C-alpha atoms as a PDB file:
ATOM      1  CA  MET A   1      98.497  62.569  75.486  1.00  0.00           C
ATOM      2  CA  ASP A   2     101.531  60.724  76.446  1.00  0.00           C
ATOM      3  CA  ILE A   3     103.536  60.427  73.326  1.00  0.00           C
ATOM      4  CA  ARG A   4     107.321  59.223  73.370  1.00  0.00           C
ATOM      5  CA  VAL A   5     110.362  58.164  71.634  1.00  0.00           C
ATOM      6  CA  ILE A   6     112.819  55.370  72.565  1.00  0.00           C
ATOM      7  CA  CYS A   7     115.833  55.252  70.253  1.00  0.00           C
ATOM      8  CA  ALA A   8     119.451  54.229  70.106  1.00  0.00           C
ATOM      9  CA  ILE A   9     122.515  56.393  68.868  1.00  0.00           C
ATOM     10  CA  GLY A  10     125.954  55.852  68.202  1.00  0.00           C
ATOM     11  CA  GLN A  11     128.627  58.046  69.963  1.00  0.00           C
ATOM     12  CA  SER A  12     128.344  60.714  67.245  1.00  0.00           C
ATOM     13  CA  GLY A  13     124.562  60.581  66.639  1.00  0.00           C
ATOM     14  CA  GLN A  14     124.635  57.653  64.285  1.00  0.00           C
ATOM     15  CA  LEU A  15     120.937  56.123  63.567  1.00  0.00           C
ATOM     16  CA  GLY A  16     121.134  54.334  60.514  1.00  0.00           C
ATOM     17  CA  LEU A  17     123.227  52.747  57.604  1.00  0.00           C
ATOM     18  CA  ASP A  18     121.850  51.274  54.569  1.00  0.00           C
ATOM     19  CA  GLY A  19     118.337  51.292  55.984  1.00  0.00           C
ATOM     20  CA  GLY A  20     119.256  49.682  59.042  1.00  0.00           C
ATOM     21  CA  MET A  21     120.764  50.403  62.379  1.00  0.00           C
ATOM     22  CA  PRO A  22     124.879  50.458  61.836  1.00  0.00           C
ATOM     23  CA  TRP A  23     125.047  48.025  64.698  1.00  0.00           C
ATOM     24  CA  GLU A  24     122.181  45.767  63.524  1.00  0.00           C
ATOM     25  CA  GLY A  25     123.165  41.999  64.276  1.00  0.00           C
ATOM     26  CA  SER A  26     125.754  42.757  66.529  1.00  0.00           C
ATOM     27  CA  GLU A  27     125.869  40.210  69.384  1.00  0.00           C
ATOM     28  CA  ASP A  28     127.848  42.335  71.652  1.00  0.00           C
ATOM     29  CA  ARG A  29     125.917  42.533  75.049  1.00  0.00           C
ATOM     30  CA  VAL A  30     125.517  46.194  75.002  1.00  0.00           C
ATOM     31  CA  TYR A  31     123.467  46.057  71.690  1.00  0.00           C
ATOM     32  CA  VAL A  32     121.590  43.014  72.769  1.00  0.00           C
ATOM     33  CA  GLU A  33     120.302  44.849  76.002  1.00  0.00           C
ATOM     34  CA  ASP A  34     119.401  47.760  73.917  1.00  0.00           C
ATOM     35  CA  VAL A  35     116.894  45.869  71.876  1.00  0.00           C
ATOM     36  CA  GLU A  36     115.513  43.934  74.863  1.00  0.00           C
ATOM     37  CA  ARG A  37     115.026  47.284  76.601  1.00  0.00           C
ATOM     38  CA  PHE A  38     113.167  48.591  73.808  1.00  0.00           C
ATOM     39  CA  PHE A  39     110.760  45.593  73.692  1.00  0.00           C
ATOM     40  CA  GLU A  40     110.496  45.940  77.397  1.00  0.00           C
ATOM     41  CA  ILE A  41     109.633  49.519  77.692  1.00  0.00           C
ATOM     42  CA  THR A  42     107.202  49.425  74.659  1.00  0.00           C
ATOM     43  CA  ARG A  43     105.327  46.330  76.046  1.00  0.00           C
ATOM     44  CA  GLY A  44     101.638  47.129  76.504  1.00  0.00           C
ATOM     45  CA  HIS A  45     101.655  50.318  74.541  1.00  0.00           C
ATOM     46  CA  VAL A  46     101.072  51.634  71.209  1.00  0.00           C
ATOM     47  CA  LEU A  47     103.954  51.909  68.579  1.00  0.00           C
ATOM     48  CA  ILE A  48     103.447  53.817  65.660  1.00  0.00           C
ATOM     49  CA  CYS A  49     105.905  53.612  62.600  1.00  0.00           C
ATOM     50  CA  GLY A  50     106.282  53.560  59.090  1.00  0.00           C
ATOM     51  CA  PRO A  51     106.034  50.338  57.073  1.00  0.00           C
ATOM     52  CA  LYS A  52     109.798  49.643  56.953  1.00  0.00           C
ATOM     53  CA  THR A  53     110.168  49.602  60.499  1.00  0.00           C
ATOM     54  CA  VAL A  54     106.752  47.557  61.162  1.00  0.00           C
ATOM     55  CA  ALA A  55     108.161  45.027  58.614  1.00  0.00           C
ATOM     56  CA  SER A  56     111.467  44.790  60.894  1.00  0.00           C
ATOM     57  CA  PHE A  57     109.819  43.648  63.939  1.00  0.00           C
ATOM     58  CA  PRO A  58     109.958  40.036  64.894  1.00  0.00           C
ATOM     59  CA  ASP A  59     106.772  38.083  65.319  1.00  0.00           C
ATOM     60  CA  PHE A  60     106.470  38.094  68.924  1.00  0.00           C
ATOM     61  CA  ALA A  61     106.412  41.717  69.062  1.00  0.00           C
ATOM     62  CA  HIS A  62     102.983  42.040  67.752  1.00  0.00           C
ATOM     63  CA  ASN A  63     101.628  39.947  70.431  1.00  0.00           C
ATOM     64  CA  ASP A  64     102.022  42.398  73.584  1.00  0.00           C
ATOM     65  CA  ARG A  65     101.814  45.794  72.168  1.00  0.00           C
ATOM     66  CA  THR A  66      99.537  47.588  69.429  1.00  0.00           C
ATOM     67  CA  ILE A  67     101.750  48.039  66.177  1.00  0.00           C
ATOM     68  CA  VAL A  68     100.222  50.760  63.717  1.00  0.00           C
ATOM     69  CA  THR A  69     101.651  51.536  60.435  1.00  0.00           C
ATOM     70  CA  ILE A  70     101.605  55.214  59.818  1.00  0.00           C
ATOM     71  CA  ARG A  71     102.195  56.731  56.259  1.00  0.00           C
ATOM     72  CA  SER A  72     103.228  60.358  55.215  1.00  0.00           C
ATOM     73  CA  SER A  73      99.851  61.177  54.115  1.00  0.00           C
ATOM     74  CA  ASP A  74      98.514  60.586  57.558  1.00  0.00           C
ATOM     75  CA  ASP A  75      97.464  63.343  59.870  1.00  0.00           C
ATOM     76  CA  PRO A  76      99.677  63.245  62.881  1.00  0.00           C
ATOM     77  CA  GLU A  77      96.896  64.827  65.067  1.00  0.00           C
ATOM     78  CA  ASP A  78      94.278  62.390  63.800  1.00  0.00           C
ATOM     79  CA  VAL A  79      96.711  59.219  64.182  1.00  0.00           C
ATOM     80  CA  LEU A  80      97.508  60.276  67.875  1.00  0.00           C
ATOM     81  CA  SER A  81      93.753  61.125  68.707  1.00  0.00           C
ATOM     82  CA  ARG A  82      92.951  57.335  68.178  1.00  0.00           C
ATOM     83  CA  PHE A  83      95.113  56.643  71.236  1.00  0.00           C
ATOM     84  CA  ALA A  84      94.620  59.434  73.757  1.00  0.00           C
ATOM     85  CA  GLU A  85      94.191  57.401  76.539  1.00  0.00           C
ATOM     86  CA  ARG A  86      97.291  55.129  75.955  1.00  0.00           C
ATOM     87  CA  VAL A  87     101.145  55.700  75.788  1.00  0.00           C
ATOM     88  CA  VAL A  88     102.227  56.068  72.233  1.00  0.00           C
ATOM     89  CA  PHE A  89     105.829  55.384  71.197  1.00  0.00           C
ATOM     90  CA  VAL A  90     106.849  56.911  67.811  1.00  0.00           C
ATOM     91  CA  GLY A  91     109.202  54.622  66.217  1.00  0.00           C
ATOM     92  CA  GLY A  92     110.972  55.157  62.767  1.00  0.00           C
ATOM     93  CA  GLY A  93     113.605  57.647  62.029  1.00  0.00           C
ATOM     94  CA  PRO A  94     114.107  61.178  60.510  1.00  0.00           C
ATOM     95  CA  ALA A  95     110.919  61.177  58.244  1.00  0.00           C
ATOM     96  CA  VAL A  96     108.788  60.151  61.109  1.00  0.00           C
ATOM     97  CA  TRP A  97     110.264  62.163  63.649  1.00  0.00           C
ATOM     98  CA  ASP A  98     110.440  65.478  61.375  1.00  0.00           C
ATOM     99  CA  VAL A  99     106.552  65.097  61.695  1.00  0.00           C
ATOM    100  CA  TYR A 100     105.860  63.930  65.047  1.00  0.00           C
ATOM    101  CA  ALA A 101     108.643  65.635  67.245  1.00  0.00           C
ATOM    102  CA  LYS A 102     106.256  68.372  68.143  1.00  0.00           C
ATOM    103  CA  TYR A 103     104.255  65.984  69.972  1.00  0.00           C
ATOM    104  CA  VAL A 104     106.785  64.018  71.611  1.00  0.00           C
ATOM    105  CA  ARG A 105     106.707  64.480  75.571  1.00  0.00           C
ATOM    106  CA  HIS A 106     109.626  62.265  76.210  1.00  0.00           C
ATOM    107  CA  TRP A 107     112.775  61.166  74.418  1.00  0.00           C
ATOM    108  CA  ASP A 108     114.629  58.424  75.790  1.00  0.00           C
ATOM    109  CA  ILE A 109     118.021  58.142  73.980  1.00  0.00           C
ATOM    110  CA  ASN A 110     120.481  55.308  74.551  1.00  0.00           C
ATOM    111  CA  ARG A 111     124.001  56.171  73.493  1.00  0.00           C
ATOM    112  CA  LEU A 112     125.667  53.150  72.229  1.00  0.00           C
ATOM    113  CA  PRO A 113     129.590  52.789  71.816  1.00  0.00           C
ATOM    114  CA  TYR A 114     129.156  52.441  68.104  1.00  0.00           C
ATOM    115  CA  ASP A 115     131.367  54.949  66.351  1.00  0.00           C
ATOM    116  CA  GLY A 116     131.766  53.957  62.589  1.00  0.00           C
ATOM    117  CA  GLU A 117     129.963  54.571  59.583  1.00  0.00           C
ATOM    118  CA  ALA A 118     126.491  56.017  59.158  1.00  0.00           C
ATOM    119  CA  ASP A 119     124.408  57.665  56.646  1.00  0.00           C
ATOM    120  CA  THR A 120     121.689  58.752  59.026  1.00  0.00           C
ATOM    121  CA  TRP A 121     121.941  60.902  61.960  1.00  0.00           C
ATOM    122  CA  PHE A 122     120.168  62.018  65.051  1.00  0.00           C
ATOM    123  CA  ASP A 123     118.900  65.727  64.790  1.00  0.00           C
ATOM    124  CA  PRO A 124     119.001  67.667  67.867  1.00  0.00           C
ATOM    125  CA  ALA A 125     116.314  69.945  66.711  1.00  0.00           C
ATOM    126  CA  TRP A 126     113.873  67.138  67.487  1.00  0.00           C
ATOM    127  CA  LEU A 127     114.446  67.573  71.085  1.00  0.00           C
ATOM    128  CA  LEU A 128     113.796  71.374  71.083  1.00  0.00           C
ATOM    129  CA  ALA A 129     110.327  70.545  69.157  1.00  0.00           C
ATOM    130  CA  GLY A 130     108.931  68.636  72.012  1.00  0.00           C
ATOM    131  CA  GLY A 131     109.339  67.702  75.684  1.00  0.00           C
ATOM    132  CA  ARG A 132     112.139  66.551  77.875  1.00  0.00           C
ATOM    133  CA  HIS A 133     114.859  63.872  77.051  1.00  0.00           C
ATOM    134  CA  THR A 134     117.023  61.394  78.757  1.00  0.00           C
ATOM    135  CA  ILE A 135     120.299  60.226  77.354  1.00  0.00           C
ATOM    136  CA  ARG A 136     121.828  56.962  78.550  1.00  0.00           C
ATOM    137  CA  ARG A 137     125.434  56.237  78.303  1.00  0.00           C
END
């Protein structure tokens, strides 16, 4: 199976703030390009994530990728086995990555210039649980 994660973090590993991304809504080009890149790379593939993440996607995102809502009660192997012939991106954050990290073959991490407040952080242990990773600066 080809299981991947694409995510963005701040300079110190910031992931989230008050249920969203700390830089969410910023119109600075670097942040806009990150969102565009996410939707470009996941196009045509499967994207599994929790209900809050699914609810945050714009309508157009549902047209050109398979978006699947996962729950903590779901068995990860059962979920992933439904898409054995497809590329699956695991979206979400800590709660999801804690469970799915060991299945991830590739982490694509975009390190953004944000260096402010956060309440959720990237855990490097996720990288050790699965496959290779790329960090973009």
